[in-house]
């Protein structure tokens, strides 16, 4: 998920199937902490998935799975 309005306002676009490299190009363009806007949030809800939420997201991004679907 991403804020399409922020990406558009920055003059950027995110492809339909973005890579981490695509995301990294957009982050500095929208990062504006003085106005409460941060370029990325990998864990936004306190106390949820202190470590596993991030690991699962990264692992899935590179094709890993917790379970063999077959």
C-alpha atoms as a PDB file:
ATOM      1  CA  UNK A   1       0.000   0.000   0.000  1.00  0.00           C
ATOM      2  CA  UNK A   2       1.116   3.518  -0.639  1.00  0.00           C
ATOM      3  CA  UNK A   3      -0.286   7.035  -0.722  1.00  0.00           C
ATOM      4  CA  UNK A   4      -0.921   7.608  -4.416  1.00  0.00           C
ATOM      5  CA  UNK A   5      -1.603  11.293  -3.788  1.00  0.00           C
ATOM      6  CA  UNK A   6       1.840  11.819  -2.261  1.00  0.00           C
ATOM      7  CA  UNK A   7       3.566   9.896  -5.030  1.00  0.00           C
ATOM      8  CA  UNK A   8       1.715  11.880  -7.704  1.00  0.00           C
ATOM      9  CA  UNK A   9       2.420  15.217  -5.965  1.00  0.00           C
ATOM     10  CA  UNK A  10       6.123  14.307  -5.995  1.00  0.00           C
ATOM     11  CA  UNK A  11       5.959  13.747  -9.743  1.00  0.00           C
ATOM     12  CA  UNK A  12       6.735  10.065  -9.320  1.00  0.00           C
ATOM     13  CA  UNK A  13       4.959   6.846 -10.202  1.00  0.00           C
ATOM     14  CA  UNK A  14       5.018   3.358  -8.762  1.00  0.00           C
ATOM     15  CA  UNK A  15       4.776   0.498 -11.271  1.00  0.00           C
ATOM     16  CA  UNK A  16       2.087  -2.163 -10.931  1.00  0.00           C
ATOM     17  CA  UNK A  17       4.638  -4.693  -9.629  1.00  0.00           C
ATOM     18  CA  UNK A  18       7.208  -2.511  -7.852  1.00  0.00           C
ATOM     19  CA  UNK A  19      10.612  -3.685  -6.749  1.00  0.00           C
ATOM     20  CA  UNK A  20      12.395  -2.388  -3.652  1.00  0.00           C
ATOM     21  CA  UNK A  21      14.509  -0.287  -6.030  1.00  0.00           C
ATOM     22  CA  UNK A  22      11.319   1.378  -7.326  1.00  0.00           C
ATOM     23  CA  UNK A  23      10.199   2.125  -3.777  1.00  0.00           C
ATOM     24  CA  UNK A  24      13.617   3.467  -2.767  1.00  0.00           C
ATOM     25  CA  UNK A  25      13.468   6.043  -5.582  1.00  0.00           C
ATOM     26  CA  UNK A  26      10.153   7.441  -4.292  1.00  0.00           C
ATOM     27  CA  UNK A  27      10.945   7.548  -0.554  1.00  0.00           C
ATOM     28  CA  UNK A  28      13.196  10.637  -0.530  1.00  0.00           C
ATOM     29  CA  UNK A  29      10.806  12.518  -2.814  1.00  0.00           C
ATOM     30  CA  UNK A  30       7.904  12.281  -0.350  1.00  0.00           C
ATOM     31  CA  UNK A  31       9.856  12.232   2.931  1.00  0.00           C
ATOM     32  CA  UNK A  32       8.970  15.452   4.789  1.00  0.00           C
ATOM     33  CA  UNK A  33       9.139  14.867   8.561  1.00  0.00           C
ATOM     34  CA  UNK A  34       8.780  18.583   9.333  1.00  0.00           C
ATOM     35  CA  UNK A  35       5.217  18.263   8.024  1.00  0.00           C
ATOM     36  CA  UNK A  36       4.561  14.823   9.513  1.00  0.00           C
ATOM     37  CA  UNK A  37       5.080  12.908   6.260  1.00  0.00           C
ATOM     38  CA  UNK A  38       7.541  10.037   6.235  1.00  0.00           C
ATOM     39  CA  UNK A  39       8.768   8.304   3.107  1.00  0.00           C
ATOM     40  CA  UNK A  40       8.165   4.768   4.324  1.00  0.00           C
ATOM     41  CA  UNK A  41       6.592   2.864   7.183  1.00  0.00           C
ATOM     42  CA  UNK A  42       7.419  -0.814   7.426  1.00  0.00           C
ATOM     43  CA  UNK A  43       5.707  -1.336  10.765  1.00  0.00           C
ATOM     44  CA  UNK A  44       2.991   1.162  11.526  1.00  0.00           C
ATOM     45  CA  UNK A  45       0.991  -0.365  14.364  1.00  0.00           C
ATOM     46  CA  UNK A  46       2.649  -0.458  17.797  1.00  0.00           C
ATOM     47  CA  UNK A  47       3.054  -3.900  19.379  1.00  0.00           C
ATOM     48  CA  UNK A  48       1.939  -5.775  16.269  1.00  0.00           C
ATOM     49  CA  UNK A  49       4.500  -8.089  14.746  1.00  0.00           C
ATOM     50  CA  UNK A  50       7.454  -6.565  16.518  1.00  0.00           C
ATOM     51  CA  UNK A  51       9.739  -8.643  14.373  1.00  0.00           C
ATOM     52  CA  UNK A  52       7.780 -11.138  12.302  1.00  0.00           C
ATOM     53  CA  UNK A  53       5.658  -8.675  10.317  1.00  0.00           C
ATOM     54  CA  UNK A  54       8.731  -7.088   8.788  1.00  0.00           C
ATOM     55  CA  UNK A  55      10.507 -10.391   8.189  1.00  0.00           C
ATOM     56  CA  UNK A  56       7.444 -11.883   6.484  1.00  0.00           C
ATOM     57  CA  UNK A  57       7.025  -8.830   4.234  1.00  0.00           C
ATOM     58  CA  UNK A  58      10.657  -8.916   3.170  1.00  0.00           C
ATOM     59  CA  UNK A  59      10.683 -12.693   2.711  1.00  0.00           C
ATOM     60  CA  UNK A  60       7.515 -12.642   0.591  1.00  0.00           C
ATOM     61  CA  UNK A  61       8.986  -9.864  -1.538  1.00  0.00           C
ATOM     62  CA  UNK A  62      11.805 -12.177  -2.527  1.00  0.00           C
ATOM     63  CA  UNK A  63       9.588 -15.220  -3.128  1.00  0.00           C
ATOM     64  CA  UNK A  64       9.846 -16.984   0.224  1.00  0.00           C
ATOM     65  CA  UNK A  65       6.835 -18.609   1.874  1.00  0.00           C
ATOM     66  CA  UNK A  66       6.209 -19.907   5.372  1.00  0.00           C
ATOM     67  CA  UNK A  67       4.341 -22.952   4.058  1.00  0.00           C
ATOM     68  CA  UNK A  68       4.587 -25.223   1.022  1.00  0.00           C
ATOM     69  CA  UNK A  69       1.238 -24.616  -0.704  1.00  0.00           C
ATOM     70  CA  UNK A  70       1.311 -28.121  -2.193  1.00  0.00           C
END
